[in-house]
Amino acid sequence: MLQVFNTLGRRLETFEPVNPGRVSIYVCGPTVYDYTHLGHARTYIAFDVIKRYLRLTGYDVFHIQNITDIDDKIIKRAAEERTSWKEIADTYTKDYLDALSKLNIKVDLHPRVTEHIAR
């Protein structure tokens, strides 16, 4: 039996997924305006360990980690470097995905903010 600490209720609770046997994990991903660093990697690794444990114990896990590819920080960086926000986002998205690959972390879906906002 898997138990998790509920920080809101301040107690251990038995883990019960909404859909029996299936777990969906959403992890906030990077805002891609600079290179990935150790602090980012810590989050990616921690959730990858949780995902692998859940799979090892028989759960079907769907792992989502977003990419914030438009944001004030990205626009500011583009202005400083005299390039487009898309060039900044693409450069640092590639760095992020390369880091995941080197860490052997596989994510099922990487939705990008720009794919979900009205233009």
N, C-alpha and C. Protein backbone atom coordinates (compact mmCIF):
# COMPACT_ATOMS: atom_id res chain seq x y z
N MET A 1 0.85 -1.18 0.00
CA MET A 1 0.00 0.00 0.00
C MET A 1 0.90 1.25 0.00
N LEU A 2 0.66 2.12 -0.97
CA LEU A 2 1.42 3.36 -1.10
C LEU A 2 0.72 4.46 -0.31
N GLN A 3 1.51 5.16 0.49
CA GLN A 3 0.97 6.29 1.23
C GLN A 3 1.75 7.54 0.85
N VAL A 4 1.05 8.66 0.79
CA VAL A 4 1.66 9.95 0.48
C VAL A 4 1.27 10.94 1.57
N PHE A 5 2.14 11.93 1.75
CA PHE A 5 1.85 12.95 2.75
C PHE A 5 1.05 14.06 2.09
N ASN A 6 -0.15 14.30 2.60
CA ASN A 6 -1.02 15.36 2.11
C ASN A 6 -0.65 16.63 2.88
N THR A 7 0.01 17.57 2.19
CA THR A 7 0.47 18.79 2.88
C THR A 7 -0.72 19.67 3.30
N LEU A 8 -1.82 19.60 2.56
CA LEU A 8 -3.00 20.39 2.94
C LEU A 8 -3.62 19.84 4.22
N GLY A 9 -3.81 18.53 4.26
CA GLY A 9 -4.39 17.90 5.44
C GLY A 9 -3.37 17.60 6.53
N ARG A 10 -2.09 17.72 6.20
CA ARG A 10 -0.98 17.49 7.12
C ARG A 10 -1.00 16.08 7.73
N ARG A 11 -1.24 15.09 6.84
CA ARG A 11 -1.25 13.71 7.32
C ARG A 11 -0.94 12.75 6.16
N LEU A 12 -0.54 11.53 6.53
CA LEU A 12 -0.34 10.48 5.54
C LEU A 12 -1.69 9.97 5.08
N GLU A 13 -1.81 9.72 3.77
CA GLU A 13 -3.04 9.19 3.21
C GLU A 13 -2.69 8.07 2.25
N THR A 14 -3.59 7.11 2.13
CA THR A 14 -3.42 6.04 1.17
C THR A 14 -3.59 6.60 -0.23
N PHE A 15 -2.66 6.26 -1.11
CA PHE A 15 -2.71 6.73 -2.49
C PHE A 15 -3.76 5.94 -3.26
N GLU A 16 -4.73 6.67 -3.80
CA GLU A 16 -5.78 6.06 -4.61
C GLU A 16 -5.98 6.94 -5.84
N PRO A 17 -5.56 6.46 -7.02
CA PRO A 17 -5.75 7.28 -8.22
C PRO A 17 -7.23 7.44 -8.55
N VAL A 18 -7.56 8.52 -9.23
CA VAL A 18 -8.94 8.79 -9.64
C VAL A 18 -9.46 7.65 -10.50
N ASN A 19 -8.63 7.20 -11.44
CA ASN A 19 -8.96 6.06 -12.30
C ASN A 19 -8.11 4.87 -11.84
N PRO A 20 -8.73 3.82 -11.31
CA PRO A 20 -7.96 2.69 -10.80
C PRO A 20 -6.93 2.17 -11.81
N GLY A 21 -5.70 2.02 -11.33
CA GLY A 21 -4.63 1.49 -12.16
C GLY A 21 -3.97 2.49 -13.08
N ARG A 22 -4.49 3.71 -13.15
CA ARG A 22 -3.95 4.73 -14.06
C ARG A 22 -3.66 6.01 -13.29
N VAL A 23 -2.46 6.54 -13.51
CA VAL A 23 -2.05 7.77 -12.83
C VAL A 23 -1.60 8.78 -13.89
N SER A 24 -2.09 9.99 -13.78
CA SER A 24 -1.64 11.09 -14.64
C SER A 24 -0.83 12.05 -13.77
N ILE A 25 0.37 12.38 -14.25
CA ILE A 25 1.24 13.30 -13.53
C ILE A 25 1.47 14.53 -14.39
N TYR A 26 1.11 15.70 -13.86
CA TYR A 26 1.40 16.96 -14.54
C TYR A 26 2.49 17.66 -13.75
N VAL A 27 3.58 17.98 -14.43
CA VAL A 27 4.69 18.67 -13.80
C VAL A 27 4.92 19.98 -14.54
N CYS A 28 4.99 21.06 -13.80
CA CYS A 28 5.26 22.35 -14.41
C CYS A 28 6.68 22.32 -14.99
N GLY A 29 6.77 22.58 -16.27
CA GLY A 29 8.06 22.56 -16.95
C GLY A 29 8.71 23.93 -16.98
N PRO A 30 9.73 24.09 -17.81
CA PRO A 30 10.51 25.31 -17.81
C PRO A 30 9.85 26.45 -18.59
N THR A 31 10.20 27.67 -18.21
CA THR A 31 9.99 28.85 -19.03
C THR A 31 11.31 29.00 -19.77
N VAL A 32 11.28 28.82 -21.08
CA VAL A 32 12.50 28.63 -21.85
C VAL A 32 13.11 29.96 -22.33
N TYR A 33 13.74 30.66 -21.38
CA TYR A 33 14.44 31.91 -21.71
C TYR A 33 15.92 31.83 -21.35
N ASP A 34 16.36 30.70 -20.80
CA ASP A 34 17.76 30.51 -20.43
C ASP A 34 18.03 29.01 -20.35
N TYR A 35 19.29 28.67 -20.14
CA TYR A 35 19.68 27.27 -20.10
C TYR A 35 19.12 26.55 -18.88
N THR A 36 18.87 25.26 -19.05
CA THR A 36 18.44 24.41 -17.94
C THR A 36 19.59 24.29 -16.94
N HIS A 37 19.24 24.28 -15.65
CA HIS A 37 20.29 24.18 -14.62
C HIS A 37 19.93 23.09 -13.61
N LEU A 38 20.80 22.90 -12.65
CA LEU A 38 20.65 21.83 -11.68
C LEU A 38 19.32 21.90 -10.91
N GLY A 39 18.88 23.09 -10.59
CA GLY A 39 17.60 23.24 -9.90
C GLY A 39 16.44 22.69 -10.71
N HIS A 40 16.47 22.94 -12.02
CA HIS A 40 15.45 22.36 -12.90
C HIS A 40 15.55 20.84 -12.90
N ALA A 41 16.78 20.36 -13.07
CA ALA A 41 17.01 18.91 -13.17
C ALA A 41 16.50 18.19 -11.93
N ARG A 42 16.62 18.80 -10.78
CA ARG A 42 16.14 18.18 -9.54
C ARG A 42 14.65 17.86 -9.63
N THR A 43 13.87 18.80 -10.15
CA THR A 43 12.43 18.57 -10.32
C THR A 43 12.18 17.46 -11.33
N TYR A 44 12.85 17.52 -12.47
CA TYR A 44 12.64 16.52 -13.51
C TYR A 44 12.98 15.12 -12.99
N ILE A 45 14.08 15.01 -12.29
CA ILE A 45 14.53 13.71 -11.76
C ILE A 45 13.57 13.20 -10.68
N ALA A 46 13.15 14.08 -9.78
CA ALA A 46 12.26 13.67 -8.69
C ALA A 46 10.97 13.07 -9.24
N PHE A 47 10.37 13.72 -10.22
CA PHE A 47 9.12 13.20 -10.76
C PHE A 47 9.34 11.98 -11.64
N ASP A 48 10.51 11.89 -12.27
CA ASP A 48 10.83 10.69 -13.03
C ASP A 48 10.95 9.49 -12.10
N VAL A 49 11.54 9.67 -10.94
CA VAL A 49 11.66 8.59 -9.96
C VAL A 49 10.26 8.15 -9.49
N ILE A 50 9.40 9.12 -9.20
CA ILE A 50 8.03 8.80 -8.79
C ILE A 50 7.32 8.02 -9.89
N LYS A 51 7.44 8.49 -11.13
CA LYS A 51 6.80 7.81 -12.27
C LYS A 51 7.32 6.38 -12.40
N ARG A 52 8.63 6.20 -12.31
CA ARG A 52 9.20 4.86 -12.45
C ARG A 52 8.75 3.94 -11.32
N TYR A 53 8.65 4.48 -10.11
CA TYR A 53 8.17 3.67 -8.98
C TYR A 53 6.72 3.24 -9.23
N LEU A 54 5.89 4.17 -9.64
CA LEU A 54 4.49 3.84 -9.90
C LEU A 54 4.36 2.78 -10.99
N ARG A 55 5.16 2.91 -12.04
CA ARG A 55 5.12 1.90 -13.11
C ARG A 55 5.61 0.54 -12.59
N LEU A 56 6.64 0.58 -11.78
CA LEU A 56 7.19 -0.66 -11.22
C LEU A 56 6.14 -1.38 -10.36
N THR A 57 5.29 -0.62 -9.70
CA THR A 57 4.27 -1.22 -8.84
C THR A 57 2.97 -1.49 -9.58
N GLY A 58 2.98 -1.35 -10.92
CA GLY A 58 1.85 -1.79 -11.73
C GLY A 58 0.93 -0.72 -12.28
N TYR A 59 1.18 0.53 -11.99
CA TYR A 59 0.32 1.58 -12.52
C TYR A 59 0.69 1.93 -13.96
N ASP A 60 -0.31 2.28 -14.74
CA ASP A 60 -0.12 2.86 -16.06
C ASP A 60 -0.01 4.37 -15.83
N VAL A 61 1.13 4.96 -16.17
CA VAL A 61 1.39 6.36 -15.85
C VAL A 61 1.49 7.19 -17.12
N PHE A 62 0.78 8.32 -17.13
CA PHE A 62 0.86 9.30 -18.22
C PHE A 62 1.49 10.55 -17.65
N HIS A 63 2.65 10.93 -18.18
CA HIS A 63 3.47 12.02 -17.63
C HIS A 63 3.45 13.21 -18.58
N ILE A 64 2.98 14.34 -18.09
CA ILE A 64 2.90 15.57 -18.87
C ILE A 64 3.81 16.62 -18.21
N GLN A 65 4.59 17.31 -19.02
CA GLN A 65 5.39 18.43 -18.51
C GLN A 65 5.33 19.54 -19.55
N ASN A 66 4.75 20.65 -19.17
CA ASN A 66 4.55 21.74 -20.12
C ASN A 66 5.85 22.48 -20.44
N ILE A 67 5.80 23.26 -21.50
CA ILE A 67 6.89 24.17 -21.85
C ILE A 67 6.26 25.54 -22.02
N THR A 68 6.67 26.48 -21.19
CA THR A 68 6.21 27.86 -21.33
C THR A 68 7.13 28.52 -22.35
N ASP A 69 6.62 28.65 -23.59
CA ASP A 69 7.45 29.16 -24.68
C ASP A 69 7.09 30.57 -25.12
N ILE A 70 6.26 31.24 -24.34
CA ILE A 70 6.05 32.69 -24.50
C ILE A 70 5.74 33.25 -23.12
N ASP A 71 6.40 34.36 -22.81
CA ASP A 71 6.33 34.90 -21.45
C ASP A 71 7.11 36.21 -21.46
N ASP A 72 6.87 37.06 -20.48
CA ASP A 72 7.59 38.34 -20.41
C ASP A 72 9.11 38.16 -20.40
N LYS A 73 9.59 37.13 -19.69
CA LYS A 73 11.04 36.89 -19.61
C LYS A 73 11.61 36.53 -20.98
N ILE A 74 10.86 35.77 -21.76
CA ILE A 74 11.31 35.39 -23.10
C ILE A 74 11.33 36.61 -24.01
N ILE A 75 10.29 37.41 -23.94
CA ILE A 75 10.20 38.62 -24.76
C ILE A 75 11.32 39.59 -24.39
N LYS A 76 11.59 39.75 -23.09
CA LYS A 76 12.67 40.63 -22.64
C LYS A 76 14.02 40.13 -23.15
N ARG A 77 14.26 38.83 -23.04
CA ARG A 77 15.53 38.25 -23.51
C ARG A 77 15.69 38.45 -25.01
N ALA A 78 14.62 38.29 -25.76
CA ALA A 78 14.66 38.50 -27.21
C ALA A 78 15.02 39.95 -27.55
N ALA A 79 14.43 40.88 -26.82
CA ALA A 79 14.74 42.29 -27.05
C ALA A 79 16.21 42.59 -26.73
N GLU A 80 16.72 42.03 -25.63
CA GLU A 80 18.13 42.23 -25.25
C GLU A 80 19.08 41.66 -26.30
N GLU A 81 18.70 40.53 -26.89
CA GLU A 81 19.56 39.87 -27.88
C GLU A 81 19.22 40.26 -29.31
N ARG A 82 18.22 41.14 -29.45
CA ARG A 82 17.80 41.62 -30.77
C ARG A 82 17.47 40.47 -31.72
N THR A 83 16.62 39.60 -31.22
CA THR A 83 16.15 38.45 -31.99
C THR A 83 14.67 38.26 -31.69
N SER A 84 14.07 37.23 -32.24
CA SER A 84 12.64 36.99 -32.02
C SER A 84 12.43 36.16 -30.76
N TRP A 85 11.25 36.31 -30.19
CA TRP A 85 10.91 35.49 -29.02
C TRP A 85 10.94 34.01 -29.39
N LYS A 86 10.55 33.70 -30.64
CA LYS A 86 10.53 32.30 -31.09
C LYS A 86 11.94 31.72 -31.13
N GLU A 87 12.90 32.50 -31.58
CA GLU A 87 14.30 32.03 -31.62
C GLU A 87 14.79 31.73 -30.20
N ILE A 88 14.47 32.60 -29.26
CA ILE A 88 14.85 32.37 -27.85
C ILE A 88 14.18 31.10 -27.35
N ALA A 89 12.87 30.99 -27.55
CA ALA A 89 12.12 29.82 -27.06
C ALA A 89 12.64 28.53 -27.70
N ASP A 90 12.90 28.55 -28.98
CA ASP A 90 13.38 27.34 -29.67
C ASP A 90 14.77 26.93 -29.18
N THR A 91 15.65 27.90 -28.98
CA THR A 91 17.01 27.61 -28.51
C THR A 91 16.99 26.93 -27.15
N TYR A 92 16.23 27.49 -26.22
CA TYR A 92 16.24 26.96 -24.86
C TYR A 92 15.31 25.76 -24.69
N THR A 93 14.33 25.60 -25.57
CA THR A 93 13.54 24.37 -25.57
C THR A 93 14.43 23.21 -25.97
N LYS A 94 15.25 23.42 -26.99
CA LYS A 94 16.18 22.36 -27.42
C LYS A 94 17.12 22.00 -26.28
N ASP A 95 17.63 22.99 -25.56
CA ASP A 95 18.52 22.72 -24.43
C ASP A 95 17.81 21.89 -23.36
N TYR A 96 16.58 22.23 -23.05
CA TYR A 96 15.77 21.50 -22.07
C TYR A 96 15.56 20.05 -22.51
N LEU A 97 15.15 19.86 -23.77
CA LEU A 97 14.91 18.50 -24.27
C LEU A 97 16.20 17.68 -24.32
N ASP A 98 17.32 18.33 -24.66
CA ASP A 98 18.62 17.65 -24.64
C ASP A 98 18.97 17.21 -23.22
N ALA A 99 18.70 18.06 -22.24
CA ALA A 99 18.98 17.72 -20.84
C ALA A 99 18.15 16.51 -20.41
N LEU A 100 16.87 16.49 -20.77
CA LEU A 100 16.03 15.33 -20.44
C LEU A 100 16.58 14.07 -21.07
N SER A 101 17.01 14.16 -22.30
CA SER A 101 17.56 13.00 -22.99
C SER A 101 18.81 12.48 -22.29
N LYS A 102 19.70 13.39 -21.91
CA LYS A 102 20.93 13.00 -21.22
C LYS A 102 20.65 12.37 -19.86
N LEU A 103 19.56 12.80 -19.22
CA LEU A 103 19.17 12.25 -17.93
C LEU A 103 18.31 11.00 -18.07
N ASN A 104 18.04 10.60 -19.31
CA ASN A 104 17.19 9.44 -19.61
C ASN A 104 15.79 9.59 -19.02
N ILE A 105 15.25 10.79 -19.13
CA ILE A 105 13.90 11.08 -18.66
C ILE A 105 13.00 11.18 -19.88
N LYS A 106 11.97 10.38 -19.88
CA LYS A 106 11.01 10.38 -20.99
C LYS A 106 9.67 10.90 -20.49
N VAL A 107 9.17 11.89 -21.19
CA VAL A 107 7.89 12.51 -20.85
C VAL A 107 6.92 12.17 -21.98
N ASP A 108 5.69 11.83 -21.63
CA ASP A 108 4.71 11.43 -22.65
C ASP A 108 4.20 12.59 -23.49
N LEU A 109 4.10 13.77 -22.90
CA LEU A 109 3.55 14.91 -23.63
C LEU A 109 4.17 16.20 -23.12
N HIS A 110 4.58 17.06 -24.07
CA HIS A 110 5.12 18.39 -23.75
C HIS A 110 4.25 19.46 -24.40
N PRO A 111 3.10 19.78 -23.82
CA PRO A 111 2.31 20.86 -24.42
C PRO A 111 3.04 22.20 -24.26
N ARG A 112 2.96 23.00 -25.30
CA ARG A 112 3.58 24.33 -25.27
C ARG A 112 2.48 25.37 -25.10
N VAL A 113 2.79 26.40 -24.35
CA VAL A 113 1.81 27.46 -24.11
C VAL A 113 1.28 28.00 -25.42
N THR A 114 2.17 28.23 -26.40
CA THR A 114 1.75 28.82 -27.67
C THR A 114 0.77 27.95 -28.45
N GLU A 115 0.68 26.68 -28.10
CA GLU A 115 -0.29 25.79 -28.76
C GLU A 115 -1.67 25.89 -28.12
N HIS A 116 -1.78 26.64 -27.02
CA HIS A 116 -3.04 26.67 -26.27
C HIS A 116 -3.52 28.06 -25.94
N ILE A 117 -3.02 29.07 -26.65
CA ILE A 117 -3.53 30.43 -26.43
C ILE A 117 -4.13 30.94 -27.73
N ALA A 118 -5.16 31.77 -27.59
CA ALA A 118 -5.79 32.36 -28.77
C ALA A 118 -4.84 33.41 -29.36
N ARG A 119 -4.81 33.46 -30.66
CA ARG A 119 -3.93 34.45 -31.33
C ARG A 119 -4.73 35.53 -31.96
